[in-house]
Amino acid sequence: FVYCFWQLKTKEPLHKPFIYRVVSDGCVD
């Protein structure tokens, strides 16, 4: 049922907001 669990996190605050790109993968998250 599940392909993976994932985590996206900062190690320390960034200087500007991060733009995260999600590519087409056919899944529901």
mmCIF file of all heavy atoms, coordinates in Angstrom:
data_MODEL
# 
_entry.id   MODEL 
# 
loop_
_atom_site.group_PDB 
_atom_site.id 
_atom_site.type_symbol 
_atom_site.label_atom_id 
_atom_site.label_alt_id 
_atom_site.label_comp_id 
_atom_site.label_asym_id 
_atom_site.label_entity_id 
_atom_site.label_seq_id 
_atom_site.pdbx_PDB_ins_code 
_atom_site.Cartn_x 
_atom_site.Cartn_y 
_atom_site.Cartn_z 
_atom_site.occupancy 
_atom_site.B_iso_or_equiv 
_atom_site.pdbx_formal_charge 
_atom_site.auth_seq_id 
_atom_site.auth_comp_id 
_atom_site.auth_asym_id 
_atom_site.auth_atom_id 
_atom_site.pdbx_PDB_model_num 
ATOM 1   N N   . PHE A 1 1  ? 0.815  -1.217 0.000   1.00 0.00 ? 1  PHE A N   1 
ATOM 2   C CA  . PHE A 1 1  ? 0.000  0.000  0.000   1.00 0.00 ? 1  PHE A CA  1 
ATOM 3   C C   . PHE A 1 1  ? 0.852  1.274  0.000   1.00 0.00 ? 1  PHE A C   1 
ATOM 4   O O   . PHE A 1 1  ? 0.492  2.273  -0.604  1.00 0.00 ? 1  PHE A O   1 
ATOM 5   C CB  . PHE A 1 1  ? -0.922 0.027  1.225   1.00 0.00 ? 1  PHE A CB  1 
ATOM 6   C CG  . PHE A 1 1  ? -1.925 -1.090 1.258   1.00 0.00 ? 1  PHE A CG  1 
ATOM 7   C CD1 . PHE A 1 1  ? -1.655 -2.274 1.932   1.00 0.00 ? 1  PHE A CD1 1 
ATOM 8   C CD2 . PHE A 1 1  ? -3.143 -0.966 0.596   1.00 0.00 ? 1  PHE A CD2 1 
ATOM 9   C CE1 . PHE A 1 1  ? -2.579 -3.317 1.959   1.00 0.00 ? 1  PHE A CE1 1 
ATOM 10  C CE2 . PHE A 1 1  ? -4.070 -2.003 0.617   1.00 0.00 ? 1  PHE A CE2 1 
ATOM 11  C CZ  . PHE A 1 1  ? -3.785 -3.178 1.296   1.00 0.00 ? 1  PHE A CZ  1 
ATOM 12  N N   . VAL A 1 2  ? 1.969  1.214  0.710   1.00 0.00 ? 2  VAL A N   1 
ATOM 13  C CA  . VAL A 1 2  ? 2.804  2.411  0.908   1.00 0.00 ? 2  VAL A CA  1 
ATOM 14  C C   . VAL A 1 2  ? 4.142  2.244  0.189   1.00 0.00 ? 2  VAL A C   1 
ATOM 15  O O   . VAL A 1 2  ? 4.825  1.231  0.384   1.00 0.00 ? 2  VAL A O   1 
ATOM 16  C CB  . VAL A 1 2  ? 3.041  2.645  2.425   1.00 0.00 ? 2  VAL A CB  1 
ATOM 17  C CG1 . VAL A 1 2  ? 4.061  3.749  2.653   1.00 0.00 ? 2  VAL A CG1 1 
ATOM 18  C CG2 . VAL A 1 2  ? 1.728  2.968  3.125   1.00 0.00 ? 2  VAL A CG2 1 
ATOM 19  N N   . TYR A 1 3  ? 4.502  3.247  -0.628  1.00 0.00 ? 3  TYR A N   1 
ATOM 20  C CA  . TYR A 1 3  ? 5.816  3.194  -1.273  1.00 0.00 ? 3  TYR A CA  1 
ATOM 21  C C   . TYR A 1 3  ? 6.906  3.579  -0.276  1.00 0.00 ? 3  TYR A C   1 
ATOM 22  O O   . TYR A 1 3  ? 7.929  2.923  -0.161  1.00 0.00 ? 3  TYR A O   1 
ATOM 23  C CB  . TYR A 1 3  ? 5.861  4.111  -2.489  1.00 0.00 ? 3  TYR A CB  1 
ATOM 24  C CG  . TYR A 1 3  ? 7.248  4.158  -3.106  1.00 0.00 ? 3  TYR A CG  1 
ATOM 25  C CD1 . TYR A 1 3  ? 7.755  3.048  -3.772  1.00 0.00 ? 3  TYR A CD1 1 
ATOM 26  C CD2 . TYR A 1 3  ? 8.066  5.275  -2.969  1.00 0.00 ? 3  TYR A CD2 1 
ATOM 27  C CE1 . TYR A 1 3  ? 9.037  3.053  -4.295  1.00 0.00 ? 3  TYR A CE1 1 
ATOM 28  C CE2 . TYR A 1 3  ? 9.347  5.293  -3.493  1.00 0.00 ? 3  TYR A CE2 1 
ATOM 29  C CZ  . TYR A 1 3  ? 9.830  4.179  -4.153  1.00 0.00 ? 3  TYR A CZ  1 
ATOM 30  O OH  . TYR A 1 3  ? 11.111 4.183  -4.666  1.00 0.00 ? 3  TYR A OH  1 
ATOM 31  N N   . CYS A 1 4  ? 6.684  4.664  0.455   1.00 0.00 ? 4  CYS A N   1 
ATOM 32  C CA  . CYS A 1 4  ? 7.671  5.086  1.450   1.00 0.00 ? 4  CYS A CA  1 
ATOM 33  C C   . CYS A 1 4  ? 7.051  6.098  2.410   1.00 0.00 ? 4  CYS A C   1 
ATOM 34  O O   . CYS A 1 4  ? 5.983  6.661  2.164   1.00 0.00 ? 4  CYS A O   1 
ATOM 35  C CB  . CYS A 1 4  ? 8.909  5.711  0.790   1.00 0.00 ? 4  CYS A CB  1 
ATOM 36  S SG  . CYS A 1 4  ? 8.594  7.343  0.054   1.00 0.00 ? 4  CYS A SG  1 
ATOM 37  N N   . PHE A 1 5  ? 7.733  6.300  3.532   1.00 0.00 ? 5  PHE A N   1 
ATOM 38  C CA  . PHE A 1 5  ? 7.510  7.451  4.394   1.00 0.00 ? 5  PHE A CA  1 
ATOM 39  C C   . PHE A 1 5  ? 8.617  8.447  4.068   1.00 0.00 ? 5  PHE A C   1 
ATOM 40  O O   . PHE A 1 5  ? 9.752  8.034  3.782   1.00 0.00 ? 5  PHE A O   1 
ATOM 41  C CB  . PHE A 1 5  ? 7.606  7.054  5.875   1.00 0.00 ? 5  PHE A CB  1 
ATOM 42  C CG  . PHE A 1 5  ? 6.590  6.032  6.297   1.00 0.00 ? 5  PHE A CG  1 
ATOM 43  C CD1 . PHE A 1 5  ? 6.961  4.706  6.495   1.00 0.00 ? 5  PHE A CD1 1 
ATOM 44  C CD2 . PHE A 1 5  ? 5.267  6.389  6.489   1.00 0.00 ? 5  PHE A CD2 1 
ATOM 45  C CE1 . PHE A 1 5  ? 6.032  3.760  6.888   1.00 0.00 ? 5  PHE A CE1 1 
ATOM 46  C CE2 . PHE A 1 5  ? 4.324  5.451  6.877   1.00 0.00 ? 5  PHE A CE2 1 
ATOM 47  C CZ  . PHE A 1 5  ? 4.705  4.133  7.073   1.00 0.00 ? 5  PHE A CZ  1 
ATOM 48  N N   . TRP A 1 6  ? 8.320  9.726  4.127   1.00 0.00 ? 6  TRP A N   1 
ATOM 49  C CA  . TRP A 1 6  ? 9.362  10.709 3.804   1.00 0.00 ? 6  TRP A CA  1 
ATOM 50  C C   . TRP A 1 6  ? 9.368  11.856 4.805   1.00 0.00 ? 6  TRP A C   1 
ATOM 51  O O   . TRP A 1 6  ? 8.379  12.117 5.478   1.00 0.00 ? 6  TRP A O   1 
ATOM 52  C CB  . TRP A 1 6  ? 9.223  11.236 2.376   1.00 0.00 ? 6  TRP A CB  1 
ATOM 53  C CG  . TRP A 1 6  ? 7.886  11.844 2.028   1.00 0.00 ? 6  TRP A CG  1 
ATOM 54  C CD1 . TRP A 1 6  ? 6.836  11.231 1.397   1.00 0.00 ? 6  TRP A CD1 1 
ATOM 55  C CD2 . TRP A 1 6  ? 7.453  13.196 2.277   1.00 0.00 ? 6  TRP A CD2 1 
ATOM 56  N NE1 . TRP A 1 6  ? 5.781  12.101 1.249   1.00 0.00 ? 6  TRP A NE1 1 
ATOM 57  C CE2 . TRP A 1 6  ? 6.129  13.314 1.774   1.00 0.00 ? 6  TRP A CE2 1 
ATOM 58  C CE3 . TRP A 1 6  ? 8.038  14.311 2.863   1.00 0.00 ? 6  TRP A CE3 1 
ATOM 59  C CZ2 . TRP A 1 6  ? 5.399  14.506 1.844   1.00 0.00 ? 6  TRP A CZ2 1 
ATOM 60  C CZ3 . TRP A 1 6  ? 7.321  15.497 2.948   1.00 0.00 ? 6  TRP A CZ3 1 
ATOM 61  C CH2 . TRP A 1 6  ? 6.014  15.586 2.429   1.00 0.00 ? 6  TRP A CH2 1 
ATOM 62  N N   . GLN A 1 7  ? 10.524 12.482 4.901   1.00 0.00 ? 7  GLN A N   1 
ATOM 63  C CA  . GLN A 1 7  ? 10.696 13.631 5.794   1.00 0.00 ? 7  GLN A CA  1 
ATOM 64  C C   . GLN A 1 7  ? 11.480 14.708 5.066   1.00 0.00 ? 7  GLN A C   1 
ATOM 65  O O   . GLN A 1 7  ? 12.494 14.425 4.425   1.00 0.00 ? 7  GLN A O   1 
ATOM 66  C CB  . GLN A 1 7  ? 11.452 13.205 7.057   1.00 0.00 ? 7  GLN A CB  1 
ATOM 67  C CG  . GLN A 1 7  ? 11.711 14.348 8.038   1.00 0.00 ? 7  GLN A CG  1 
ATOM 68  C CD  . GLN A 1 7  ? 12.538 13.896 9.228   1.00 0.00 ? 7  GLN A CD  1 
ATOM 69  O OE1 . GLN A 1 7  ? 13.535 13.186 9.058   1.00 0.00 ? 7  GLN A OE1 1 
ATOM 70  N NE2 . GLN A 1 7  ? 12.153 14.303 10.426  1.00 0.00 ? 7  GLN A NE2 1 
ATOM 71  N N   . LEU A 1 8  ? 11.011 15.935 5.153   1.00 0.00 ? 8  LEU A N   1 
ATOM 72  C CA  . LEU A 1 8  ? 11.700 17.093 4.580   1.00 0.00 ? 8  LEU A CA  1 
ATOM 73  C C   . LEU A 1 8  ? 11.827 18.125 5.685   1.00 0.00 ? 8  LEU A C   1 
ATOM 74  O O   . LEU A 1 8  ? 10.817 18.648 6.172   1.00 0.00 ? 8  LEU A O   1 
ATOM 75  C CB  . LEU A 1 8  ? 10.898 17.659 3.405   1.00 0.00 ? 8  LEU A CB  1 
ATOM 76  C CG  . LEU A 1 8  ? 11.512 18.863 2.682   1.00 0.00 ? 8  LEU A CG  1 
ATOM 77  C CD1 . LEU A 1 8  ? 12.748 18.456 1.875   1.00 0.00 ? 8  LEU A CD1 1 
ATOM 78  C CD2 . LEU A 1 8  ? 10.483 19.519 1.757   1.00 0.00 ? 8  LEU A CD2 1 
ATOM 79  N N   . LYS A 1 9  ? 13.070 18.391 6.123   1.00 0.00 ? 9  LYS A N   1 
ATOM 80  C CA  . LYS A 1 9  ? 13.222 19.309 7.260   1.00 0.00 ? 9  LYS A CA  1 
ATOM 81  C C   . LYS A 1 9  ? 14.481 20.157 7.128   1.00 0.00 ? 9  LYS A C   1 
ATOM 82  O O   . LYS A 1 9  ? 15.433 19.800 6.425   1.00 0.00 ? 9  LYS A O   1 
ATOM 83  C CB  . LYS A 1 9  ? 13.256 18.533 8.571   1.00 0.00 ? 9  LYS A CB  1 
ATOM 84  C CG  . LYS A 1 9  ? 14.498 17.689 8.775   1.00 0.00 ? 9  LYS A CG  1 
ATOM 85  C CD  . LYS A 1 9  ? 14.543 17.132 10.188  1.00 0.00 ? 9  LYS A CD  1 
ATOM 86  C CE  . LYS A 1 9  ? 15.859 16.400 10.442  1.00 0.00 ? 9  LYS A CE  1 
ATOM 87  N NZ  . LYS A 1 9  ? 15.992 15.974 11.840  1.00 0.00 ? 9  LYS A NZ  1 
ATOM 88  N N   . THR A 1 10 ? 14.455 21.282 7.840   1.00 0.00 ? 10 THR A N   1 
ATOM 89  C CA  . THR A 1 10 ? 15.626 22.166 7.883   1.00 0.00 ? 10 THR A CA  1 
ATOM 90  C C   . THR A 1 10 ? 16.494 21.791 9.080   1.00 0.00 ? 10 THR A C   1 
ATOM 91  O O   . THR A 1 10 ? 15.974 21.440 10.142  1.00 0.00 ? 10 THR A O   1 
ATOM 92  C CB  . THR A 1 10 ? 15.199 23.639 8.016   1.00 0.00 ? 10 THR A CB  1 
ATOM 93  O OG1 . THR A 1 10 ? 14.173 23.733 9.012   1.00 0.00 ? 10 THR A OG1 1 
ATOM 94  C CG2 . THR A 1 10 ? 14.671 24.193 6.713   1.00 0.00 ? 10 THR A CG2 1 
ATOM 95  N N   . LYS A 1 11 ? 17.810 21.867 8.885   1.00 0.00 ? 11 LYS A N   1 
ATOM 96  C CA  . LYS A 1 11 ? 18.736 21.659 9.997   1.00 0.00 ? 11 LYS A CA  1 
ATOM 97  C C   . LYS A 1 11 ? 18.920 22.953 10.788  1.00 0.00 ? 11 LYS A C   1 
ATOM 98  O O   . LYS A 1 11 ? 19.241 22.936 11.964  1.00 0.00 ? 11 LYS A O   1 
ATOM 99  C CB  . LYS A 1 11 ? 20.084 21.161 9.467   1.00 0.00 ? 11 LYS A CB  1 
ATOM 100 C CG  . LYS A 1 11 ? 20.022 19.753 8.923   1.00 0.00 ? 11 LYS A CG  1 
ATOM 101 C CD  . LYS A 1 11 ? 21.407 19.148 8.791   1.00 0.00 ? 11 LYS A CD  1 
ATOM 102 C CE  . LYS A 1 11 ? 21.921 19.317 7.385   1.00 0.00 ? 11 LYS A CE  1 
ATOM 103 N NZ  . LYS A 1 11 ? 23.190 18.621 7.131   1.00 0.00 ? 11 LYS A NZ  1 
ATOM 104 N N   . GLU A 1 12 ? 18.749 24.065 10.102  1.00 0.00 ? 12 GLU A N   1 
ATOM 105 C CA  . GLU A 1 12 ? 18.788 25.391 10.726  1.00 0.00 ? 12 GLU A CA  1 
ATOM 106 C C   . GLU A 1 12 ? 17.957 26.329 9.857   1.00 0.00 ? 12 GLU A C   1 
ATOM 107 O O   . GLU A 1 12 ? 17.711 26.026 8.678   1.00 0.00 ? 12 GLU A O   1 
ATOM 108 C CB  . GLU A 1 12 ? 20.229 25.898 10.852  1.00 0.00 ? 12 GLU A CB  1 
ATOM 109 C CG  . GLU A 1 12 ? 20.980 25.945 9.523   1.00 0.00 ? 12 GLU A CG  1 
ATOM 110 C CD  . GLU A 1 12 ? 22.441 26.351 9.698   1.00 0.00 ? 12 GLU A CD  1 
ATOM 111 O OE1 . GLU A 1 12 ? 22.697 27.577 9.703   1.00 0.00 ? 12 GLU A OE1 1 
ATOM 112 O OE2 . GLU A 1 12 ? 23.293 25.455 9.827   1.00 0.00 ? 12 GLU A OE2 1 
ATOM 113 N N   . PRO A 1 13 ? 17.477 27.450 10.398  1.00 0.00 ? 13 PRO A N   1 
ATOM 114 C CA  . PRO A 1 13 ? 16.634 28.348 9.602   1.00 0.00 ? 13 PRO A CA  1 
ATOM 115 C C   . PRO A 1 13 ? 17.336 28.837 8.334   1.00 0.00 ? 13 PRO A C   1 
ATOM 116 O O   . PRO A 1 13 ? 18.555 29.088 8.339   1.00 0.00 ? 13 PRO A O   1 
ATOM 117 C CB  . PRO A 1 13 ? 16.347 29.502 10.564  1.00 0.00 ? 13 PRO A CB  1 
ATOM 118 C CG  . PRO A 1 13 ? 16.515 28.913 11.925  1.00 0.00 ? 13 PRO A CG  1 
ATOM 119 C CD  . PRO A 1 13 ? 17.617 27.894 11.788  1.00 0.00 ? 13 PRO A CD  1 
ATOM 120 N N   . LEU A 1 14 ? 16.592 28.955 7.260   1.00 0.00 ? 14 LEU A N   1 
ATOM 121 C CA  . LEU A 1 14 ? 17.124 29.413 5.976   1.00 0.00 ? 14 LEU A CA  1 
ATOM 122 C C   . LEU A 1 14 ? 17.058 30.940 5.890   1.00 0.00 ? 14 LEU A C   1 
ATOM 123 O O   . LEU A 1 14 ? 16.320 31.587 6.638   1.00 0.00 ? 14 LEU A O   1 
ATOM 124 C CB  . LEU A 1 14 ? 16.306 28.797 4.828   1.00 0.00 ? 14 LEU A CB  1 
ATOM 125 C CG  . LEU A 1 14 ? 16.108 27.279 4.855   1.00 0.00 ? 14 LEU A CG  1 
ATOM 126 C CD1 . LEU A 1 14 ? 15.175 26.843 3.734   1.00 0.00 ? 14 LEU A CD1 1 
ATOM 127 C CD2 . LEU A 1 14 ? 17.449 26.559 4.741   1.00 0.00 ? 14 LEU A CD2 1 
ATOM 128 N N   . HIS A 1 15 ? 17.817 31.501 4.948   1.00 0.00 ? 15 HIS A N   1 
ATOM 129 C CA  . HIS A 1 15 ? 17.802 32.960 4.768   1.00 0.00 ? 15 HIS A CA  1 
ATOM 130 C C   . HIS A 1 15 ? 16.540 33.433 4.060   1.00 0.00 ? 15 HIS A C   1 
ATOM 131 O O   . HIS A 1 15 ? 16.081 34.551 4.260   1.00 0.00 ? 15 HIS A O   1 
ATOM 132 C CB  . HIS A 1 15 ? 19.040 33.414 3.976   1.00 0.00 ? 15 HIS A CB  1 
ATOM 133 C CG  . HIS A 1 15 ? 20.326 33.183 4.716   1.00 0.00 ? 15 HIS A CG  1 
ATOM 134 N ND1 . HIS A 1 15 ? 20.553 33.695 5.977   1.00 0.00 ? 15 HIS A ND1 1 
ATOM 135 C CD2 . HIS A 1 15 ? 21.441 32.480 4.382   1.00 0.00 ? 15 HIS A CD2 1 
ATOM 136 C CE1 . HIS A 1 15 ? 21.762 33.328 6.391   1.00 0.00 ? 15 HIS A CE1 1 
ATOM 137 N NE2 . HIS A 1 15 ? 22.316 32.581 5.445   1.00 0.00 ? 15 HIS A NE2 1 
ATOM 138 N N   . LYS A 1 16 ? 15.993 32.547 3.203   1.00 0.00 ? 16 LYS A N   1 
ATOM 139 C CA  . LYS A 1 16 ? 14.757 32.916 2.496   1.00 0.00 ? 16 LYS A CA  1 
ATOM 140 C C   . LYS A 1 16 ? 13.852 31.693 2.405   1.00 0.00 ? 16 LYS A C   1 
ATOM 141 O O   . LYS A 1 16 ? 14.319 30.553 2.518   1.00 0.00 ? 16 LYS A O   1 
ATOM 142 C CB  . LYS A 1 16 ? 15.077 33.470 1.110   1.00 0.00 ? 16 LYS A CB  1 
ATOM 143 C CG  . LYS A 1 16 ? 15.834 32.520 0.206   1.00 0.00 ? 16 LYS A CG  1 
ATOM 144 C CD  . LYS A 1 16 ? 16.148 33.188 -1.132  1.00 0.00 ? 16 LYS A CD  1 
ATOM 145 C CE  . LYS A 1 16 ? 16.888 32.211 -2.034  1.00 0.00 ? 16 LYS A CE  1 
ATOM 146 N NZ  . LYS A 1 16 ? 17.217 32.790 -3.345  1.00 0.00 ? 16 LYS A NZ  1 
ATOM 147 N N   . PRO A 1 17 ? 12.552 31.897 2.198   1.00 0.00 ? 17 PRO A N   1 
ATOM 148 C CA  . PRO A 1 17 ? 11.622 30.751 2.125   1.00 0.00 ? 17 PRO A CA  1 
ATOM 149 C C   . PRO A 1 17 ? 12.033 29.754 1.043   1.00 0.00 ? 17 PRO A C   1 
ATOM 150 O O   . PRO A 1 17 ? 12.462 30.153 -0.047  1.00 0.00 ? 17 PRO A O   1 
ATOM 151 C CB  . PRO A 1 17 ? 10.277 31.404 1.786   1.00 0.00 ? 17 PRO A CB  1 
ATOM 152 C CG  . PRO A 1 17 ? 10.401 32.804 2.266   1.00 0.00 ? 17 PRO A CG  1 
ATOM 153 C CD  . PRO A 1 17 ? 11.841 33.182 2.061   1.00 0.00 ? 17 PRO A CD  1 
ATOM 154 N N   . PHE A 1 18 ? 11.902 28.468 1.365   1.00 0.00 ? 18 PHE A N   1 
ATOM 155 C CA  . PHE A 1 18 ? 12.299 27.403 0.438   1.00 0.00 ? 18 PHE A CA  1 
ATOM 156 C C   . PHE A 1 18 ? 11.139 27.059 -0.490  1.00 0.00 ? 18 PHE A C   1 
ATOM 157 O O   . PHE A 1 18 ? 9.998  26.901 -0.056  1.00 0.00 ? 18 PHE A O   1 
ATOM 158 C CB  . PHE A 1 18 ? 12.706 26.161 1.241   1.00 0.00 ? 18 PHE A CB  1 
ATOM 159 C CG  . PHE A 1 18 ? 13.179 25.015 0.392   1.00 0.00 ? 18 PHE A CG  1 
ATOM 160 C CD1 . PHE A 1 18 ? 14.361 25.104 -0.324  1.00 0.00 ? 18 PHE A CD1 1 
ATOM 161 C CD2 . PHE A 1 18 ? 12.439 23.837 0.305   1.00 0.00 ? 18 PHE A CD2 1 
ATOM 162 C CE1 . PHE A 1 18 ? 14.810 24.039 -1.109  1.00 0.00 ? 18 PHE A CE1 1 
ATOM 163 C CE2 . PHE A 1 18 ? 12.873 22.776 -0.470  1.00 0.00 ? 18 PHE A CE2 1 
ATOM 164 C CZ  . PHE A 1 18 ? 14.058 22.878 -1.179  1.00 0.00 ? 18 PHE A CZ  1 
ATOM 165 N N   . ILE A 1 19 ? 11.442 26.967 -1.766  1.00 0.00 ? 19 ILE A N   1 
ATOM 166 C CA  . ILE A 1 19 ? 10.449 26.543 -2.753  1.00 0.00 ? 19 ILE A CA  1 
ATOM 167 C C   . ILE A 1 19 ? 10.684 25.051 -3.024  1.00 0.00 ? 19 ILE A C   1 
ATOM 168 O O   . ILE A 1 19 ? 11.734 24.672 -3.548  1.00 0.00 ? 19 ILE A O   1 
ATOM 169 C CB  . ILE A 1 19 ? 10.569 27.328 -4.087  1.00 0.00 ? 19 ILE A CB  1 
ATOM 170 C CG1 . ILE A 1 19 ? 10.537 28.844 -3.836  1.00 0.00 ? 19 ILE A CG1 1 
ATOM 171 C CG2 . ILE A 1 19 ? 9.467  26.900 -5.055  1.00 0.00 ? 19 ILE A CG2 1 
ATOM 172 C CD1 . ILE A 1 19 ? 9.240  29.378 -3.288  1.00 0.00 ? 19 ILE A CD1 1 
ATOM 173 N N   . TYR A 1 20 ? 9.726  24.236 -2.635  1.00 0.00 ? 20 TYR A N   1 
ATOM 174 C CA  . TYR A 1 20 ? 9.857  22.788 -2.822  1.00 0.00 ? 20 TYR A CA  1 
ATOM 175 C C   . TYR A 1 20 ? 9.065  22.357 -4.042  1.00 0.00 ? 20 TYR A C   1 
ATOM 176 O O   . TYR A 1 20 ? 7.891  22.670 -4.172  1.00 0.00 ? 20 TYR A O   1 
ATOM 177 C CB  . TYR A 1 20 ? 9.350  22.047 -1.574  1.00 0.00 ? 20 TYR A CB  1 
ATOM 178 C CG  . TYR A 1 20 ? 9.506  20.547 -1.668  1.00 0.00 ? 20 TYR A CG  1 
ATOM 179 C CD1 . TYR A 1 20 ? 10.747 19.978 -1.982  1.00 0.00 ? 20 TYR A CD1 1 
ATOM 180 C CD2 . TYR A 1 20 ? 8.434  19.692 -1.438  1.00 0.00 ? 20 TYR A CD2 1 
ATOM 181 C CE1 . TYR A 1 20 ? 10.899 18.605 -2.069  1.00 0.00 ? 20 TYR A CE1 1 
ATOM 182 C CE2 . TYR A 1 20 ? 8.572  18.316 -1.522  1.00 0.00 ? 20 TYR A CE2 1 
ATOM 183 C CZ  . TYR A 1 20 ? 9.812  17.775 -1.837  1.00 0.00 ? 20 TYR A CZ  1 
ATOM 184 O OH  . TYR A 1 20 ? 9.965  16.417 -1.935  1.00 0.00 ? 20 TYR A OH  1 
ATOM 185 N N   . ARG A 1 21 ? 9.744  21.653 -4.948  1.00 0.00 ? 21 ARG A N   1 
ATOM 186 C CA  . ARG A 1 21 ? 9.092  21.171 -6.162  1.00 0.00 ? 21 ARG A CA  1 
ATOM 187 C C   . ARG A 1 21 ? 8.729  19.700 -6.022  1.00 0.00 ? 21 ARG A C   1 
ATOM 188 O O   . ARG A 1 21 ? 9.578  18.875 -5.685  1.00 0.00 ? 21 ARG A O   1 
ATOM 189 C CB  . ARG A 1 21 ? 9.994  21.356 -7.378  1.00 0.00 ? 21 ARG A CB  1 
ATOM 190 C CG  . ARG A 1 21 ? 9.311  20.904 -8.684  1.00 0.00 ? 21 ARG A CG  1 
ATOM 191 C CD  . ARG A 1 21 ? 10.257 20.855 -9.859  1.00 0.00 ? 21 ARG A CD  1 
ATOM 192 N NE  . ARG A 1 21 ? 10.864 22.131 -10.101 1.00 0.00 ? 21 ARG A NE  1 
ATOM 193 C CZ  . ARG A 1 21 ? 12.175 22.335 -10.173 1.00 0.00 ? 21 ARG A CZ  1 
ATOM 194 N NH1 . ARG A 1 21 ? 13.011 21.339 -10.005 1.00 0.00 ? 21 ARG A NH1 1 
ATOM 195 N NH2 . ARG A 1 21 ? 12.662 23.528 -10.405 1.00 0.00 ? 21 ARG A NH2 1 
ATOM 196 N N   . VAL A 1 22 ? 7.469  19.383 -6.295  1.00 0.00 ? 22 VAL A N   1 
ATOM 197 C CA  . VAL A 1 22 ? 6.992  17.997 -6.317  1.00 0.00 ? 22 VAL A CA  1 
ATOM 198 C C   . VAL A 1 22 ? 6.733  17.626 -7.769  1.00 0.00 ? 22 VAL A C   1 
ATOM 199 O O   . VAL A 1 22 ? 5.990  18.319 -8.460  1.00 0.00 ? 22 VAL A O   1 
ATOM 200 C CB  . VAL A 1 22 ? 5.683  17.847 -5.506  1.00 0.00 ? 22 VAL A CB  1 
ATOM 201 C CG1 . VAL A 1 22 ? 5.189  16.408 -5.548  1.00 0.00 ? 22 VAL A CG1 1 
ATOM 202 C CG2 . VAL A 1 22 ? 5.891  18.300 -4.068  1.00 0.00 ? 22 VAL A CG2 1 
ATOM 203 N N   . VAL A 1 23 ? 7.369  16.560 -8.252  1.00 0.00 ? 23 VAL A N   1 
ATOM 204 C CA  . VAL A 1 23 ? 7.165  16.149 -9.641  1.00 0.00 ? 23 VAL A CA  1 
ATOM 205 C C   . VAL A 1 23 ? 6.020  15.137 -9.717  1.00 0.00 ? 23 VAL A C   1 
ATOM 206 O O   . VAL A 1 23 ? 5.637  14.529 -8.713  1.00 0.00 ? 23 VAL A O   1 
ATOM 207 C CB  . VAL A 1 23 ? 8.459  15.559 -10.268 1.00 0.00 ? 23 VAL A CB  1 
ATOM 208 C CG1 . VAL A 1 23 ? 9.624  16.526 -10.115 1.00 0.00 ? 23 VAL A CG1 1 
ATOM 209 C CG2 . VAL A 1 23 ? 8.815  14.192 -9.684  1.00 0.00 ? 23 VAL A CG2 1 
ATOM 210 N N   . SER A 1 24 ? 5.465  14.959 -10.901 1.00 0.00 ? 24 SER A N   1 
ATOM 211 C CA  . SER A 1 24 ? 4.349  14.012 -11.082 1.00 0.00 ? 24 SER A CA  1 
ATOM 212 C C   . SER A 1 24 ? 4.811  12.586 -10.813 1.00 0.00 ? 24 SER A C   1 
ATOM 213 O O   . SER A 1 24 ? 5.778  12.132 -11.425 1.00 0.00 ? 24 SER A O   1 
ATOM 214 C CB  . SER A 1 24 ? 3.815  14.108 -12.509 1.00 0.00 ? 24 SER A CB  1 
ATOM 215 O OG  . SER A 1 24 ? 3.347  15.406 -12.775 1.00 0.00 ? 24 SER A OG  1 
ATOM 216 N N   . ASP A 1 25 ? 4.120  11.901 -9.902  1.00 0.00 ? 25 ASP A N   1 
ATOM 217 C CA  . ASP A 1 25 ? 4.523  10.512 -9.611  1.00 0.00 ? 25 ASP A CA  1 
ATOM 218 C C   . ASP A 1 25 ? 3.345  9.535  -9.563  1.00 0.00 ? 25 ASP A C   1 
ATOM 219 O O   . ASP A 1 25 ? 3.526  8.355  -9.274  1.00 0.00 ? 25 ASP A O   1 
ATOM 220 C CB  . ASP A 1 25 ? 5.327  10.438 -8.302  1.00 0.00 ? 25 ASP A CB  1 
ATOM 221 C CG  . ASP A 1 25 ? 4.526  10.868 -7.073  1.00 0.00 ? 25 ASP A CG  1 
ATOM 222 O OD1 . ASP A 1 25 ? 3.297  11.064 -7.196  1.00 0.00 ? 25 ASP A OD1 1 
ATOM 223 O OD2 . ASP A 1 25 ? 5.131  11.012 -5.992  1.00 0.00 ? 25 ASP A OD2 1 
ATOM 224 N N   . GLY A 1 26 ? 2.120  10.025 -9.832  1.00 0.00 ? 26 GLY A N   1 
ATOM 225 C CA  . GLY A 1 26 ? 0.969  9.128  -9.881  1.00 0.00 ? 26 GLY A CA  1 
ATOM 226 C C   . GLY A 1 26 ? 0.424  8.702  -8.537  1.00 0.00 ? 26 GLY A C   1 
ATOM 227 O O   . GLY A 1 26 ? -0.471 7.865  -8.466  1.00 0.00 ? 26 GLY A O   1 
ATOM 228 N N   . CYS A 1 27 ? 0.968  9.273  -7.443  1.00 0.00 ? 27 CYS A N   1 
ATOM 229 C CA  . CYS A 1 27 ? 0.605  8.816  -6.097  1.00 0.00 ? 27 CYS A CA  1 
ATOM 230 C C   . CYS A 1 27 ? -0.293 9.811  -5.369  1.00 0.00 ? 27 CYS A C   1 
ATOM 231 O O   . CYS A 1 27 ? -0.445 10.957 -5.781  1.00 0.00 ? 27 CYS A O   1 
ATOM 232 C CB  . CYS A 1 27 ? 1.876  8.599  -5.274  1.00 0.00 ? 27 CYS A CB  1 
ATOM 233 S SG  . CYS A 1 27 ? 2.969  7.338  -5.969  1.00 0.00 ? 27 CYS A SG  1 
ATOM 234 N N   . VAL A 1 28 ? -0.839 9.352  -4.252  1.00 0.00 ? 28 VAL A N   1 
ATOM 235 C CA  . VAL A 1 28 ? -1.528 10.217 -3.291  1.00 0.00 ? 28 VAL A CA  1 
ATOM 236 C C   . VAL A 1 28 ? -0.676 10.238 -2.026  1.00 0.00 ? 28 VAL A C   1 
ATOM 237 O O   . VAL A 1 28 ? -0.188 9.202  -1.582  1.00 0.00 ? 28 VAL A O   1 
ATOM 238 C CB  . VAL A 1 28 ? -2.938 9.676  -2.961  1.00 0.00 ? 28 VAL A CB  1 
ATOM 239 C CG1 . VAL A 1 28 ? -3.588 10.488 -1.843  1.00 0.00 ? 28 VAL A CG1 1 
ATOM 240 C CG2 . VAL A 1 28 ? -3.831 9.681  -4.207  1.00 0.00 ? 28 VAL A CG2 1 
ATOM 241 N N   . ASP A 1 29 ? -0.466 11.427 -1.448  1.00 0.00 ? 29 ASP A N   1 
ATOM 242 C CA  . ASP A 1 29 ? 0.324  11.567 -0.218  1.00 0.00 ? 29 ASP A CA  1 
ATOM 243 C C   . ASP A 1 29 ? -0.515 12.188 0.891   1.00 0.00 ? 29 ASP A C   1 
ATOM 244 O O   . ASP A 1 29 ? -1.274 13.132 0.643   1.00 0.00 ? 29 ASP A O   1 
ATOM 245 C CB  . ASP A 1 29 ? 1.531  12.482 -0.441  1.00 0.00 ? 29 ASP A CB  1 
ATOM 246 C CG  . ASP A 1 29 ? 2.656  11.823 -1.207  1.00 0.00 ? 29 ASP A CG  1 
ATOM 247 O OD1 . ASP A 1 29 ? 2.409  11.200 -2.245  1.00 0.00 ? 29 ASP A OD1 1 
ATOM 248 O OD2 . ASP A 1 29 ? 3.805  11.953 -0.763  1.00 0.00 ? 29 ASP A OD2 1 
# 
